Amino acid sequence: LQPLLDQHPRALIFDLRGNPGGYLD
């Protein structure tokens, strides 16, 4: 995220498609 936010995007898309999960913490 950090290098993307440094470029001041107009919005962010966070893609969790197909992500089966993992650790709660």
mmCIF file of all heavy atoms, coordinates in Angstrom:
data_MODEL
# 
_entry.id   MODEL 
# 
loop_
_atom_site.group_PDB 
_atom_site.id 
_atom_site.type_symbol 
_atom_site.label_atom_id 
_atom_site.label_alt_id 
_atom_site.label_comp_id 
_atom_site.label_asym_id 
_atom_site.label_entity_id 
_atom_site.label_seq_id 
_atom_site.pdbx_PDB_ins_code 
_atom_site.Cartn_x 
_atom_site.Cartn_y 
_atom_site.Cartn_z 
_atom_site.occupancy 
_atom_site.B_iso_or_equiv 
_atom_site.pdbx_formal_charge 
_atom_site.auth_seq_id 
_atom_site.auth_comp_id 
_atom_site.auth_asym_id 
_atom_site.auth_atom_id 
_atom_site.pdbx_PDB_model_num 
ATOM 1   N N   . LEU A 1 1  ? 0.809   -1.221  0.000   1.00 0.00 ? 1  LEU A N   1 
ATOM 2   C CA  . LEU A 1 1  ? 0.000   0.000   0.000   1.00 0.00 ? 1  LEU A CA  1 
ATOM 3   C C   . LEU A 1 1  ? 0.839   1.267   0.000   1.00 0.00 ? 1  LEU A C   1 
ATOM 4   O O   . LEU A 1 1  ? 0.499   2.250   -0.674  1.00 0.00 ? 1  LEU A O   1 
ATOM 5   C CB  . LEU A 1 1  ? -0.907  0.008   1.235   1.00 0.00 ? 1  LEU A CB  1 
ATOM 6   C CG  . LEU A 1 1  ? -2.171  -0.847  1.205   1.00 0.00 ? 1  LEU A CG  1 
ATOM 7   C CD1 . LEU A 1 1  ? -2.845  -0.819  2.574   1.00 0.00 ? 1  LEU A CD1 1 
ATOM 8   C CD2 . LEU A 1 1  ? -3.128  -0.341  0.130   1.00 0.00 ? 1  LEU A CD2 1 
ATOM 9   N N   . GLN A 1 2  ? 1.928   1.256   0.752   1.00 0.00 ? 2  GLN A N   1 
ATOM 10  C CA  . GLN A 1 2  ? 2.665   2.498   0.961   1.00 0.00 ? 2  GLN A CA  1 
ATOM 11  C C   . GLN A 1 2  ? 3.097   3.187   -0.334  1.00 0.00 ? 2  GLN A C   1 
ATOM 12  O O   . GLN A 1 2  ? 2.831   4.385   -0.532  1.00 0.00 ? 2  GLN A O   1 
ATOM 13  C CB  . GLN A 1 2  ? 3.881   2.259   1.860   1.00 0.00 ? 2  GLN A CB  1 
ATOM 14  C CG  . GLN A 1 2  ? 4.565   3.547   2.324   1.00 0.00 ? 2  GLN A CG  1 
ATOM 15  C CD  . GLN A 1 2  ? 3.636   4.417   3.156   1.00 0.00 ? 2  GLN A CD  1 
ATOM 16  O OE1 . GLN A 1 2  ? 3.276   4.058   4.266   1.00 0.00 ? 2  GLN A OE1 1 
ATOM 17  N NE2 . GLN A 1 2  ? 3.222   5.578   2.616   1.00 0.00 ? 2  GLN A NE2 1 
ATOM 18  N N   . PRO A 1 3  ? 3.757   2.492   -1.271  1.00 0.00 ? 3  PRO A N   1 
ATOM 19  C CA  . PRO A 1 3  ? 4.159   3.172   -2.508  1.00 0.00 ? 3  PRO A CA  1 
ATOM 20  C C   . PRO A 1 3  ? 2.976   3.633   -3.353  1.00 0.00 ? 3  PRO A C   1 
ATOM 21  O O   . PRO A 1 3  ? 3.089   4.627   -4.086  1.00 0.00 ? 3  PRO A O   1 
ATOM 22  C CB  . PRO A 1 3  ? 5.001   2.127   -3.246  1.00 0.00 ? 3  PRO A CB  1 
ATOM 23  C CG  . PRO A 1 3  ? 4.629   0.820   -2.639  1.00 0.00 ? 3  PRO A CG  1 
ATOM 24  C CD  . PRO A 1 3  ? 4.269   1.106   -1.227  1.00 0.00 ? 3  PRO A CD  1 
ATOM 25  N N   . LEU A 1 4  ? 1.858   2.940   -3.251  1.00 0.00 ? 4  LEU A N   1 
ATOM 26  C CA  . LEU A 1 4  ? 0.674   3.383   -3.990  1.00 0.00 ? 4  LEU A CA  1 
ATOM 27  C C   . LEU A 1 4  ? 0.096   4.649   -3.382  1.00 0.00 ? 4  LEU A C   1 
ATOM 28  O O   . LEU A 1 4  ? -0.251  5.603   -4.096  1.00 0.00 ? 4  LEU A O   1 
ATOM 29  C CB  . LEU A 1 4  ? -0.388  2.275   -3.995  1.00 0.00 ? 4  LEU A CB  1 
ATOM 30  C CG  . LEU A 1 4  ? 0.007   0.933   -4.614  1.00 0.00 ? 4  LEU A CG  1 
ATOM 31  C CD1 . LEU A 1 4  ? -1.187  -0.017  -4.591  1.00 0.00 ? 4  LEU A CD1 1 
ATOM 32  C CD2 . LEU A 1 4  ? 0.522   1.106   -6.028  1.00 0.00 ? 4  LEU A CD2 1 
ATOM 33  N N   . LEU A 1 5  ? -0.004  4.688   -2.068  1.00 0.00 ? 5  LEU A N   1 
ATOM 34  C CA  . LEU A 1 5  ? -0.548  5.868   -1.390  1.00 0.00 ? 5  LEU A CA  1 
ATOM 35  C C   . LEU A 1 5  ? 0.362   7.075   -1.550  1.00 0.00 ? 5  LEU A C   1 
ATOM 36  O O   . LEU A 1 5  ? -0.101  8.220   -1.547  1.00 0.00 ? 5  LEU A O   1 
ATOM 37  C CB  . LEU A 1 5  ? -0.782  5.553   0.085   1.00 0.00 ? 5  LEU A CB  1 
ATOM 38  C CG  . LEU A 1 5  ? -1.823  4.462   0.371   1.00 0.00 ? 5  LEU A CG  1 
ATOM 39  C CD1 . LEU A 1 5  ? -1.905  4.168   1.863   1.00 0.00 ? 5  LEU A CD1 1 
ATOM 40  C CD2 . LEU A 1 5  ? -3.190  4.850   -0.168  1.00 0.00 ? 5  LEU A CD2 1 
ATOM 41  N N   . ASP A 1 6  ? 1.664   6.828   -1.697  1.00 0.00 ? 6  ASP A N   1 
ATOM 42  C CA  . ASP A 1 6  ? 2.598   7.938   -1.927  1.00 0.00 ? 6  ASP A CA  1 
ATOM 43  C C   . ASP A 1 6  ? 2.304   8.652   -3.235  1.00 0.00 ? 6  ASP A C   1 
ATOM 44  O O   . ASP A 1 6  ? 2.725   9.804   -3.428  1.00 0.00 ? 6  ASP A O   1 
ATOM 45  C CB  . ASP A 1 6  ? 4.038   7.414   -1.938  1.00 0.00 ? 6  ASP A CB  1 
ATOM 46  C CG  . ASP A 1 6  ? 4.527   7.009   -0.550  1.00 0.00 ? 6  ASP A CG  1 
ATOM 47  O OD1 . ASP A 1 6  ? 3.878   7.404   0.442   1.00 0.00 ? 6  ASP A OD1 1 
ATOM 48  O OD2 . ASP A 1 6  ? 5.531   6.279   -0.463  1.00 0.00 ? 6  ASP A OD2 1 
ATOM 49  N N   . GLN A 1 7  ? 1.594   7.972   -4.148  1.00 0.00 ? 7  GLN A N   1 
ATOM 50  C CA  . GLN A 1 7  ? 1.244   8.574   -5.436  1.00 0.00 ? 7  GLN A CA  1 
ATOM 51  C C   . GLN A 1 7  ? -0.139  9.235   -5.401  1.00 0.00 ? 7  GLN A C   1 
ATOM 52  O O   . GLN A 1 7  ? -0.636  9.687   -6.434  1.00 0.00 ? 7  GLN A O   1 
ATOM 53  C CB  . GLN A 1 7  ? 1.284   7.514   -6.532  1.00 0.00 ? 7  GLN A CB  1 
ATOM 54  C CG  . GLN A 1 7  ? 2.671   6.884   -6.691  1.00 0.00 ? 7  GLN A CG  1 
ATOM 55  C CD  . GLN A 1 7  ? 2.696   5.807   -7.764  1.00 0.00 ? 7  GLN A CD  1 
ATOM 56  O OE1 . GLN A 1 7  ? 2.404   6.071   -8.933  1.00 0.00 ? 7  GLN A OE1 1 
ATOM 57  N NE2 . GLN A 1 7  ? 3.049   4.579   -7.373  1.00 0.00 ? 7  GLN A NE2 1 
ATOM 58  N N   . HIS A 1 8  ? -0.745  9.286   -4.212  1.00 0.00 ? 8  HIS A N   1 
ATOM 59  C CA  . HIS A 1 8  ? -2.024  9.963   -3.987  1.00 0.00 ? 8  HIS A CA  1 
ATOM 60  C C   . HIS A 1 8  ? -3.108  9.518   -4.971  1.00 0.00 ? 8  HIS A C   1 
ATOM 61  O O   . HIS A 1 8  ? -3.642  10.317  -5.750  1.00 0.00 ? 8  HIS A O   1 
ATOM 62  C CB  . HIS A 1 8  ? -1.839  11.477  -4.054  1.00 0.00 ? 8  HIS A CB  1 
ATOM 63  C CG  . HIS A 1 8  ? -0.781  11.989  -3.131  1.00 0.00 ? 8  HIS A CG  1 
ATOM 64  N ND1 . HIS A 1 8  ? -0.926  12.003  -1.764  1.00 0.00 ? 8  HIS A ND1 1 
ATOM 65  C CD2 . HIS A 1 8  ? 0.473   12.465  -3.394  1.00 0.00 ? 8  HIS A CD2 1 
ATOM 66  C CE1 . HIS A 1 8  ? 0.177   12.484  -1.204  1.00 0.00 ? 8  HIS A CE1 1 
ATOM 67  N NE2 . HIS A 1 8  ? 1.048   12.772  -2.170  1.00 0.00 ? 8  HIS A NE2 1 
ATOM 68  N N   . PRO A 1 9  ? -3.466  8.237   -4.956  1.00 0.00 ? 9  PRO A N   1 
ATOM 69  C CA  . PRO A 1 9  ? -4.492  7.752   -5.884  1.00 0.00 ? 9  PRO A CA  1 
ATOM 70  C C   . PRO A 1 9  ? -5.847  8.355   -5.574  1.00 0.00 ? 9  PRO A C   1 
ATOM 71  O O   . PRO A 1 9  ? -6.145  8.714   -4.424  1.00 0.00 ? 9  PRO A O   1 
ATOM 72  C CB  . PRO A 1 9  ? -4.490  6.239   -5.632  1.00 0.00 ? 9  PRO A CB  1 
ATOM 73  C CG  . PRO A 1 9  ? -4.031  6.104   -4.220  1.00 0.00 ? 9  PRO A CG  1 
ATOM 74  C CD  . PRO A 1 9  ? -3.007  7.184   -4.030  1.00 0.00 ? 9  PRO A CD  1 
ATOM 75  N N   . ARG A 1 10 ? -6.676  8.461   -6.589  1.00 0.00 ? 10 ARG A N   1 
ATOM 76  C CA  . ARG A 1 10 ? -8.035  8.994   -6.383  1.00 0.00 ? 10 ARG A CA  1 
ATOM 77  C C   . ARG A 1 10 ? -8.898  7.994   -5.611  1.00 0.00 ? 10 ARG A C   1 
ATOM 78  O O   . ARG A 1 10 ? -9.882  8.371   -4.960  1.00 0.00 ? 10 ARG A O   1 
ATOM 79  C CB  . ARG A 1 10 ? -8.680  9.327   -7.723  1.00 0.00 ? 10 ARG A CB  1 
ATOM 80  C CG  . ARG A 1 10 ? -8.920  8.118   -8.604  1.00 0.00 ? 10 ARG A CG  1 
ATOM 81  C CD  . ARG A 1 10 ? -9.205  8.501   -10.046 1.00 0.00 ? 10 ARG A CD  1 
ATOM 82  N NE  . ARG A 1 10 ? -10.430 9.278   -10.175 1.00 0.00 ? 10 ARG A NE  1 
ATOM 83  C CZ  . ARG A 1 10 ? -10.816 9.891   -11.296 1.00 0.00 ? 10 ARG A CZ  1 
ATOM 84  N NH1 . ARG A 1 10 ? -10.038 9.834   -12.372 1.00 0.00 ? 10 ARG A NH1 1 
ATOM 85  N NH2 . ARG A 1 10 ? -11.941 10.553  -11.348 1.00 0.00 ? 10 ARG A NH2 1 
ATOM 86  N N   . ALA A 1 11 ? -8.551  6.715   -5.689  1.00 0.00 ? 11 ALA A N   1 
ATOM 87  C CA  . ALA A 1 11 ? -9.263  5.663   -4.957  1.00 0.00 ? 11 ALA A CA  1 
ATOM 88  C C   . ALA A 1 11 ? -8.404  4.406   -4.994  1.00 0.00 ? 11 ALA A C   1 
ATOM 89  O O   . ALA A 1 11 ? -7.441  4.318   -5.766  1.00 0.00 ? 11 ALA A O   1 
ATOM 90  C CB  . ALA A 1 11 ? -10.629 5.394   -5.566  1.00 0.00 ? 11 ALA A CB  1 
ATOM 91  N N   . LEU A 1 12 ? -8.776  3.443   -4.151  1.00 0.00 ? 12 LEU A N   1 
ATOM 92  C CA  . LEU A 1 12 ? -8.036  2.183   -4.071  1.00 0.00 ? 12 LEU A CA  1 
ATOM 93  C C   . LEU A 1 12 ? -9.007  1.022   -4.255  1.00 0.00 ? 12 LEU A C   1 
ATOM 94  O O   . LEU A 1 12 ? -10.102 1.021   -3.694  1.00 0.00 ? 12 LEU A O   1 
ATOM 95  C CB  . LEU A 1 12 ? -7.344  2.057   -2.715  1.00 0.00 ? 12 LEU A CB  1 
ATOM 96  C CG  . LEU A 1 12 ? -6.534  0.777   -2.483  1.00 0.00 ? 12 LEU A CG  1 
ATOM 97  C CD1 . LEU A 1 12 ? -5.251  0.805   -3.319  1.00 0.00 ? 12 LEU A CD1 1 
ATOM 98  C CD2 . LEU A 1 12 ? -6.187  0.621   -1.007  1.00 0.00 ? 12 LEU A CD2 1 
ATOM 99  N N   . ILE A 1 13 ? -8.587  0.035   -5.037  1.00 0.00 ? 13 ILE A N   1 
ATOM 100 C CA  . ILE A 1 13 ? -9.326  -1.215  -5.190  1.00 0.00 ? 13 ILE A CA  1 
ATOM 101 C C   . ILE A 1 13 ? -8.541  -2.309  -4.481  1.00 0.00 ? 13 ILE A C   1 
ATOM 102 O O   . ILE A 1 13 ? -7.367  -2.538  -4.782  1.00 0.00 ? 13 ILE A O   1 
ATOM 103 C CB  . ILE A 1 13 ? -9.517  -1.567  -6.672  1.00 0.00 ? 13 ILE A CB  1 
ATOM 104 C CG1 . ILE A 1 13 ? -10.388 -0.506  -7.367  1.00 0.00 ? 13 ILE A CG1 1 
ATOM 105 C CG2 . ILE A 1 13 ? -10.142 -2.945  -6.814  1.00 0.00 ? 13 ILE A CG2 1 
ATOM 106 C CD1 . ILE A 1 13 ? -10.472 -0.679  -8.877  1.00 0.00 ? 13 ILE A CD1 1 
ATOM 107 N N   . PHE A 1 14 ? -9.192  -2.982  -3.528  1.00 0.00 ? 14 PHE A N   1 
ATOM 108 C CA  . PHE A 1 14 ? -8.569  -4.070  -2.769  1.00 0.00 ? 14 PHE A CA  1 
ATOM 109 C C   . PHE A 1 14 ? -9.234  -5.358  -3.210  1.00 0.00 ? 14 PHE A C   1 
ATOM 110 O O   . PHE A 1 14 ? -10.422 -5.578  -2.981  1.00 0.00 ? 14 PHE A O   1 
ATOM 111 C CB  . PHE A 1 14 ? -8.751  -3.838  -1.271  1.00 0.00 ? 14 PHE A CB  1 
ATOM 112 C CG  . PHE A 1 14 ? -8.019  -4.816  -0.388  1.00 0.00 ? 14 PHE A CG  1 
ATOM 113 C CD1 . PHE A 1 14 ? -6.831  -5.402  -0.783  1.00 0.00 ? 14 PHE A CD1 1 
ATOM 114 C CD2 . PHE A 1 14 ? -8.521  -5.151  0.867   1.00 0.00 ? 14 PHE A CD2 1 
ATOM 115 C CE1 . PHE A 1 14 ? -6.153  -6.301  0.026   1.00 0.00 ? 14 PHE A CE1 1 
ATOM 116 C CE2 . PHE A 1 14 ? -7.861  -6.033  1.692   1.00 0.00 ? 14 PHE A CE2 1 
ATOM 117 C CZ  . PHE A 1 14 ? -6.671  -6.614  1.263   1.00 0.00 ? 14 PHE A CZ  1 
ATOM 118 N N   . ASP A 1 15 ? -8.483  -6.223  -3.850  1.00 0.00 ? 15 ASP A N   1 
ATOM 119 C CA  . ASP A 1 15 ? -9.027  -7.415  -4.506  1.00 0.00 ? 15 ASP A CA  1 
ATOM 120 C C   . ASP A 1 15 ? -8.852  -8.648  -3.617  1.00 0.00 ? 15 ASP A C   1 
ATOM 121 O O   . ASP A 1 15 ? -7.735  -9.116  -3.401  1.00 0.00 ? 15 ASP A O   1 
ATOM 122 C CB  . ASP A 1 15 ? -8.301  -7.616  -5.844  1.00 0.00 ? 15 ASP A CB  1 
ATOM 123 C CG  . ASP A 1 15 ? -9.016  -8.596  -6.753  1.00 0.00 ? 15 ASP A CG  1 
ATOM 124 O OD1 . ASP A 1 15 ? -9.875  -9.347  -6.254  1.00 0.00 ? 15 ASP A OD1 1 
ATOM 125 O OD2 . ASP A 1 15 ? -8.724  -8.608  -7.965  1.00 0.00 ? 15 ASP A OD2 1 
ATOM 126 N N   . LEU A 1 16 ? -9.979  -9.179  -3.140  1.00 0.00 ? 16 LEU A N   1 
ATOM 127 C CA  . LEU A 1 16 ? -9.972  -10.389 -2.315  1.00 0.00 ? 16 LEU A CA  1 
ATOM 128 C C   . LEU A 1 16 ? -10.677 -11.546 -3.018  1.00 0.00 ? 16 LEU A C   1 
ATOM 129 O O   . LEU A 1 16 ? -11.039 -12.532 -2.374  1.00 0.00 ? 16 LEU A O   1 
ATOM 130 C CB  . LEU A 1 16 ? -10.638 -10.113 -0.966  1.00 0.00 ? 16 LEU A CB  1 
ATOM 131 C CG  . LEU A 1 16 ? -9.882  -9.179  -0.030  1.00 0.00 ? 16 LEU A CG  1 
ATOM 132 C CD1 . LEU A 1 16 ? -10.696 -8.923  1.240   1.00 0.00 ? 16 LEU A CD1 1 
ATOM 133 C CD2 . LEU A 1 16 ? -8.516  -9.742  0.327   1.00 0.00 ? 16 LEU A CD2 1 
ATOM 134 N N   . ARG A 1 17 ? -10.836 -11.459 -4.315  1.00 0.00 ? 17 ARG A N   1 
ATOM 135 C CA  . ARG A 1 17 ? -11.476 -12.544 -5.050  1.00 0.00 ? 17 ARG A CA  1 
ATOM 136 C C   . ARG A 1 17 ? -10.624 -13.817 -4.986  1.00 0.00 ? 17 ARG A C   1 
ATOM 137 O O   . ARG A 1 17 ? -9.409  -13.762 -5.134  1.00 0.00 ? 17 ARG A O   1 
ATOM 138 C CB  . ARG A 1 17 ? -11.691 -12.148 -6.507  1.00 0.00 ? 17 ARG A CB  1 
ATOM 139 C CG  . ARG A 1 17 ? -12.774 -11.102 -6.702  1.00 0.00 ? 17 ARG A CG  1 
ATOM 140 C CD  . ARG A 1 17 ? -12.880 -10.678 -8.147  1.00 0.00 ? 17 ARG A CD  1 
ATOM 141 N NE  . ARG A 1 17 ? -11.700 -9.935  -8.579  1.00 0.00 ? 17 ARG A NE  1 
ATOM 142 C CZ  . ARG A 1 17 ? -11.480 -9.547  -9.842  1.00 0.00 ? 17 ARG A CZ  1 
ATOM 143 N NH1 . ARG A 1 17 ? -12.343 -9.877  -10.793 1.00 0.00 ? 17 ARG A NH1 1 
ATOM 144 N NH2 . ARG A 1 17 ? -10.401 -8.863  -10.152 1.00 0.00 ? 17 ARG A NH2 1 
ATOM 145 N N   . GLY A 1 18 ? -11.285 -14.923 -4.734  1.00 0.00 ? 18 GLY A N   1 
ATOM 146 C CA  . GLY A 1 18 ? -10.583 -16.198 -4.694  1.00 0.00 ? 18 GLY A CA  1 
ATOM 147 C C   . GLY A 1 18 ? -9.714  -16.409 -3.477  1.00 0.00 ? 18 GLY A C   1 
ATOM 148 O O   . GLY A 1 18 ? -9.056  -17.440 -3.359  1.00 0.00 ? 18 GLY A O   1 
ATOM 149 N N   . ASN A 1 19 ? -9.718  -15.462 -2.540  1.00 0.00 ? 19 ASN A N   1 
ATOM 150 C CA  . ASN A 1 19 ? -8.903  -15.594 -1.327  1.00 0.00 ? 19 ASN A CA  1 
ATOM 151 C C   . ASN A 1 19 ? -9.645  -16.480 -0.332  1.00 0.00 ? 19 ASN A C   1 
ATOM 152 O O   . ASN A 1 19 ? -10.706 -16.107 0.171   1.00 0.00 ? 19 ASN A O   1 
ATOM 153 C CB  . ASN A 1 19 ? -8.641  -14.217 -0.721  1.00 0.00 ? 19 ASN A CB  1 
ATOM 154 C CG  . ASN A 1 19 ? -7.691  -14.258 0.461   1.00 0.00 ? 19 ASN A CG  1 
ATOM 155 O OD1 . ASN A 1 19 ? -7.803  -15.108 1.330   1.00 0.00 ? 19 ASN A OD1 1 
ATOM 156 N ND2 . ASN A 1 19 ? -6.767  -13.322 0.510   1.00 0.00 ? 19 ASN A ND2 1 
ATOM 157 N N   . PRO A 1 20 ? -9.103  -17.671 -0.014  1.00 0.00 ? 20 PRO A N   1 
ATOM 158 C CA  . PRO A 1 20 ? -9.840  -18.623 0.819   1.00 0.00 ? 20 PRO A CA  1 
ATOM 159 C C   . PRO A 1 20 ? -9.764  -18.352 2.309   1.00 0.00 ? 20 PRO A C   1 
ATOM 160 O O   . PRO A 1 20 ? -10.391 -19.066 3.102   1.00 0.00 ? 20 PRO A O   1 
ATOM 161 C CB  . PRO A 1 20 ? -9.152  -19.946 0.495   1.00 0.00 ? 20 PRO A CB  1 
ATOM 162 C CG  . PRO A 1 20 ? -7.734  -19.555 0.214   1.00 0.00 ? 20 PRO A CG  1 
ATOM 163 C CD  . PRO A 1 20 ? -7.822  -18.226 -0.486  1.00 0.00 ? 20 PRO A CD  1 
ATOM 164 N N   . GLY A 1 21 ? -8.989  -17.332 2.736   1.00 0.00 ? 21 GLY A N   1 
ATOM 165 C CA  . GLY A 1 21 ? -8.904  -17.014 4.157   1.00 0.00 ? 21 GLY A CA  1 
ATOM 166 C C   . GLY A 1 21 ? -7.524  -17.259 4.713   1.00 0.00 ? 21 GLY A C   1 
ATOM 167 O O   . GLY A 1 21 ? -6.518  -17.156 4.023   1.00 0.00 ? 21 GLY A O   1 
ATOM 168 N N   . GLY A 1 22 ? -7.470  -17.598 6.011   1.00 0.00 ? 22 GLY A N   1 
ATOM 169 C CA  . GLY A 1 22 ? -6.194  -17.802 6.674   1.00 0.00 ? 22 GLY A CA  1 
ATOM 170 C C   . GLY A 1 22 ? -6.277  -17.432 8.142   1.00 0.00 ? 22 GLY A C   1 
ATOM 171 O O   . GLY A 1 22 ? -7.276  -17.706 8.807   1.00 0.00 ? 22 GLY A O   1 
ATOM 172 N N   . TYR A 1 23 ? -5.254  -16.764 8.636   1.00 0.00 ? 23 TYR A N   1 
ATOM 173 C CA  . TYR A 1 23 ? -5.142  -16.485 10.066  1.00 0.00 ? 23 TYR A CA  1 
ATOM 174 C C   . TYR A 1 23 ? -6.010  -15.300 10.485  1.00 0.00 ? 23 TYR A C   1 
ATOM 175 O O   . TYR A 1 23 ? -6.020  -14.248 9.839   1.00 0.00 ? 23 TYR A O   1 
ATOM 176 C CB  . TYR A 1 23 ? -3.694  -16.193 10.425  1.00 0.00 ? 23 TYR A CB  1 
ATOM 177 C CG  . TYR A 1 23 ? -2.795  -17.409 10.386  1.00 0.00 ? 23 TYR A CG  1 
ATOM 178 C CD1 . TYR A 1 23 ? -1.776  -17.506 9.448   1.00 0.00 ? 23 TYR A CD1 1 
ATOM 179 C CD2 . TYR A 1 23 ? -2.967  -18.463 11.277  1.00 0.00 ? 23 TYR A CD2 1 
ATOM 180 C CE1 . TYR A 1 23 ? -0.943  -18.618 9.402   1.00 0.00 ? 23 TYR A CE1 1 
ATOM 181 C CE2 . TYR A 1 23 ? -2.156  -19.578 11.243  1.00 0.00 ? 23 TYR A CE2 1 
ATOM 182 C CZ  . TYR A 1 23 ? -1.133  -19.643 10.298  1.00 0.00 ? 23 TYR A CZ  1 
ATOM 183 O OH  . TYR A 1 23 ? -0.335  -20.745 10.247  1.00 0.00 ? 23 TYR A OH  1 
ATOM 184 N N   . LEU A 1 24 ? -6.695  -15.469 11.601  1.00 0.00 ? 24 LEU A N   1 
ATOM 185 C CA  . LEU A 1 24 ? -7.568  -14.422 12.127  1.00 0.00 ? 24 LEU A CA  1 
ATOM 186 C C   . LEU A 1 24 ? -6.785  -13.165 12.480  1.00 0.00 ? 24 LEU A C   1 
ATOM 187 O O   . LEU A 1 24 ? -7.213  -12.055 12.178  1.00 0.00 ? 24 LEU A O   1 
ATOM 188 C CB  . LEU A 1 24 ? -8.321  -14.947 13.348  1.00 0.00 ? 24 LEU A CB  1 
ATOM 189 C CG  . LEU A 1 24 ? -9.184  -13.940 14.115  1.00 0.00 ? 24 LEU A CG  1 
ATOM 190 C CD1 . LEU A 1 24 ? -10.255 -13.359 13.227  1.00 0.00 ? 24 LEU A CD1 1 
ATOM 191 C CD2 . LEU A 1 24 ? -9.821  -14.608 15.331  1.00 0.00 ? 24 LEU A CD2 1 
ATOM 192 N N   . ASP A 1 25 ? -5.623  -13.318 13.129  1.00 0.00 ? 25 ASP A N   1 
ATOM 193 C CA  . ASP A 1 25 ? -4.884  -12.122 13.540  1.00 0.00 ? 25 ASP A CA  1 
ATOM 194 C C   . ASP A 1 25 ? -4.449  -11.305 12.330  1.00 0.00 ? 25 ASP A C   1 
ATOM 195 O O   . ASP A 1 25 ? -4.416  -10.071 12.375  1.00 0.00 ? 25 ASP A O   1 
ATOM 196 C CB  . ASP A 1 25 ? -3.678  -12.498 14.413  1.00 0.00 ? 25 ASP A CB  1 
ATOM 197 C CG  . ASP A 1 25 ? -2.653  -13.347 13.683  1.00 0.00 ? 25 ASP A CG  1 
ATOM 198 O OD1 . ASP A 1 25 ? -3.017  -14.056 12.731  1.00 0.00 ? 25 ASP A OD1 1 
ATOM 199 O OD2 . ASP A 1 25 ? -1.466  -13.309 14.080  1.00 0.00 ? 25 ASP A OD2 1 
# 
